[in-house]
């Protein structure tokens, strides 16, 4: 189950990270965000950058020409 979702397929790095991080900040601890993103640089860099910030990558699956990333906000 996810608590919120965001589509960043129309954006490019580094704005993809900024938009996702801002959306994650609106969630409570343990909340999950579903992110629709493009392949290439976004799918390679965004999960890694989020993990470095302490977020947990729950799932990353192809979805048509894009990918769906599920991210969990850590407990405080």
C-alpha atoms as a PDB file:
ATOM      1  CA  UNK A   1       0.000   0.000   0.000  1.00  0.00           C
ATOM      2  CA  UNK A   2       1.220   3.496  -0.835  1.00  0.00           C
ATOM      3  CA  UNK A   3       0.203   6.744   0.815  1.00  0.00           C
ATOM      4  CA  UNK A   4       0.967   9.100  -2.083  1.00  0.00           C
ATOM      5  CA  UNK A   5       2.236   9.076  -5.646  1.00  0.00           C
ATOM      6  CA  UNK A   6       4.133  11.335  -8.009  1.00  0.00           C
ATOM      7  CA  UNK A   7       4.901  11.188 -11.724  1.00  0.00           C
ATOM      8  CA  UNK A   8       8.302  12.630 -12.646  1.00  0.00           C
ATOM      9  CA  UNK A   9       8.513  11.208 -16.181  1.00  0.00           C
ATOM     10  CA  UNK A  10       8.400  14.748 -17.594  1.00  0.00           C
ATOM     11  CA  UNK A  11      11.292  15.972 -15.441  1.00  0.00           C
ATOM     12  CA  UNK A  12      15.078  15.657 -15.639  1.00  0.00           C
ATOM     13  CA  UNK A  13      17.762  15.315 -12.956  1.00  0.00           C
ATOM     14  CA  UNK A  14      18.337  16.986 -10.537  1.00  0.00           C
ATOM     15  CA  UNK A  15      14.740  18.285 -10.317  1.00  0.00           C
ATOM     16  CA  UNK A  16      13.499  14.671 -10.121  1.00  0.00           C
ATOM     17  CA  UNK A  17      15.248  14.201  -6.771  1.00  0.00           C
ATOM     18  CA  UNK A  18      14.017  17.549  -5.448  1.00  0.00           C
ATOM     19  CA  UNK A  19      10.372  16.843  -6.329  1.00  0.00           C
ATOM     20  CA  UNK A  20      10.460  13.354  -4.817  1.00  0.00           C
ATOM     21  CA  UNK A  21      12.176  14.542  -1.641  1.00  0.00           C
ATOM     22  CA  UNK A  22       9.615  17.345  -1.182  1.00  0.00           C
ATOM     23  CA  UNK A  23       6.762  14.862  -1.620  1.00  0.00           C
ATOM     24  CA  UNK A  24       8.355  12.431   0.850  1.00  0.00           C
ATOM     25  CA  UNK A  25       8.599  15.211   3.435  1.00  0.00           C
ATOM     26  CA  UNK A  26       4.779  15.459   3.437  1.00  0.00           C
ATOM     27  CA  UNK A  27       4.458  11.818   4.571  1.00  0.00           C
ATOM     28  CA  UNK A  28       4.511  10.536   8.133  1.00  0.00           C
ATOM     29  CA  UNK A  29       7.268   8.165   9.263  1.00  0.00           C
ATOM     30  CA  UNK A  30       6.801   4.789   7.594  1.00  0.00           C
ATOM     31  CA  UNK A  31       4.735   6.329   4.799  1.00  0.00           C
ATOM     32  CA  UNK A  32       5.220   5.045   1.275  1.00  0.00           C
ATOM     33  CA  UNK A  33       5.476   6.991  -1.956  1.00  0.00           C
ATOM     34  CA  UNK A  34       4.994   5.575  -5.441  1.00  0.00           C
ATOM     35  CA  UNK A  35       7.173   7.321  -8.038  1.00  0.00           C
ATOM     36  CA  UNK A  36       6.707   6.917 -11.800  1.00  0.00           C
ATOM     37  CA  UNK A  37      10.037   7.676 -13.476  1.00  0.00           C
ATOM     38  CA  UNK A  38      11.909   7.202 -16.721  1.00  0.00           C
ATOM     39  CA  UNK A  39      14.688   4.723 -17.336  1.00  0.00           C
ATOM     40  CA  UNK A  40      18.285   5.790 -17.817  1.00  0.00           C
ATOM     41  CA  UNK A  41      19.687   8.411 -15.485  1.00  0.00           C
ATOM     42  CA  UNK A  42      16.576   8.784 -13.250  1.00  0.00           C
ATOM     43  CA  UNK A  43      16.190   5.053 -12.546  1.00  0.00           C
ATOM     44  CA  UNK A  44      19.936   4.691 -11.997  1.00  0.00           C
ATOM     45  CA  UNK A  45      20.454   7.738  -9.748  1.00  0.00           C
ATOM     46  CA  UNK A  46      17.209   8.388  -7.861  1.00  0.00           C
ATOM     47  CA  UNK A  47      17.056   5.133  -5.850  1.00  0.00           C
ATOM     48  CA  UNK A  48      20.719   5.451  -4.890  1.00  0.00           C
ATOM     49  CA  UNK A  49      20.337   9.095  -3.852  1.00  0.00           C
ATOM     50  CA  UNK A  50      17.251   8.323  -1.774  1.00  0.00           C
ATOM     51  CA  UNK A  51      19.013   5.454  -0.001  1.00  0.00           C
ATOM     52  CA  UNK A  52      21.918   7.771   0.803  1.00  0.00           C
ATOM     53  CA  UNK A  53      19.365  10.102   2.453  1.00  0.00           C
ATOM     54  CA  UNK A  54      18.044   7.251   4.635  1.00  0.00           C
ATOM     55  CA  UNK A  55      14.944   6.267   2.661  1.00  0.00           C
ATOM     56  CA  UNK A  56      14.159   2.594   2.039  1.00  0.00           C
ATOM     57  CA  UNK A  57      13.590   1.353  -1.517  1.00  0.00           C
ATOM     58  CA  UNK A  58      10.684  -1.091  -1.247  1.00  0.00           C
ATOM     59  CA  UNK A  59      10.234  -1.947  -4.922  1.00  0.00           C
ATOM     60  CA  UNK A  60      11.395  -0.980  -8.401  1.00  0.00           C
ATOM     61  CA  UNK A  61       9.544  -2.510 -11.345  1.00  0.00           C
ATOM     62  CA  UNK A  62       9.163  -1.747 -15.057  1.00  0.00           C
ATOM     63  CA  UNK A  63       5.816  -0.222 -16.024  1.00  0.00           C
ATOM     64  CA  UNK A  64       5.461   0.131 -19.781  1.00  0.00           C
ATOM     65  CA  UNK A  65       8.184   2.507 -20.953  1.00  0.00           C
ATOM     66  CA  UNK A  66       8.712   3.839 -17.420  1.00  0.00           C
ATOM     67  CA  UNK A  67       9.413   2.391 -13.964  1.00  0.00           C
ATOM     68  CA  UNK A  68       7.503   2.401 -10.689  1.00  0.00           C
ATOM     69  CA  UNK A  69       9.581   3.011  -7.588  1.00  0.00           C
ATOM     70  CA  UNK A  70       8.123   2.566  -4.098  1.00  0.00           C
ATOM     71  CA  UNK A  71       9.981   4.441  -1.371  1.00  0.00           C
ATOM     72  CA  UNK A  72       9.391   4.305   2.377  1.00  0.00           C
ATOM     73  CA  UNK A  73      10.087   7.215   4.689  1.00  0.00           C
ATOM     74  CA  UNK A  74      12.178   6.064   7.654  1.00  0.00           C
ATOM     75  CA  UNK A  75      11.024   6.323  11.252  1.00  0.00           C
ATOM     76  CA  UNK A  76      12.269   9.440  12.990  1.00  0.00           C
END
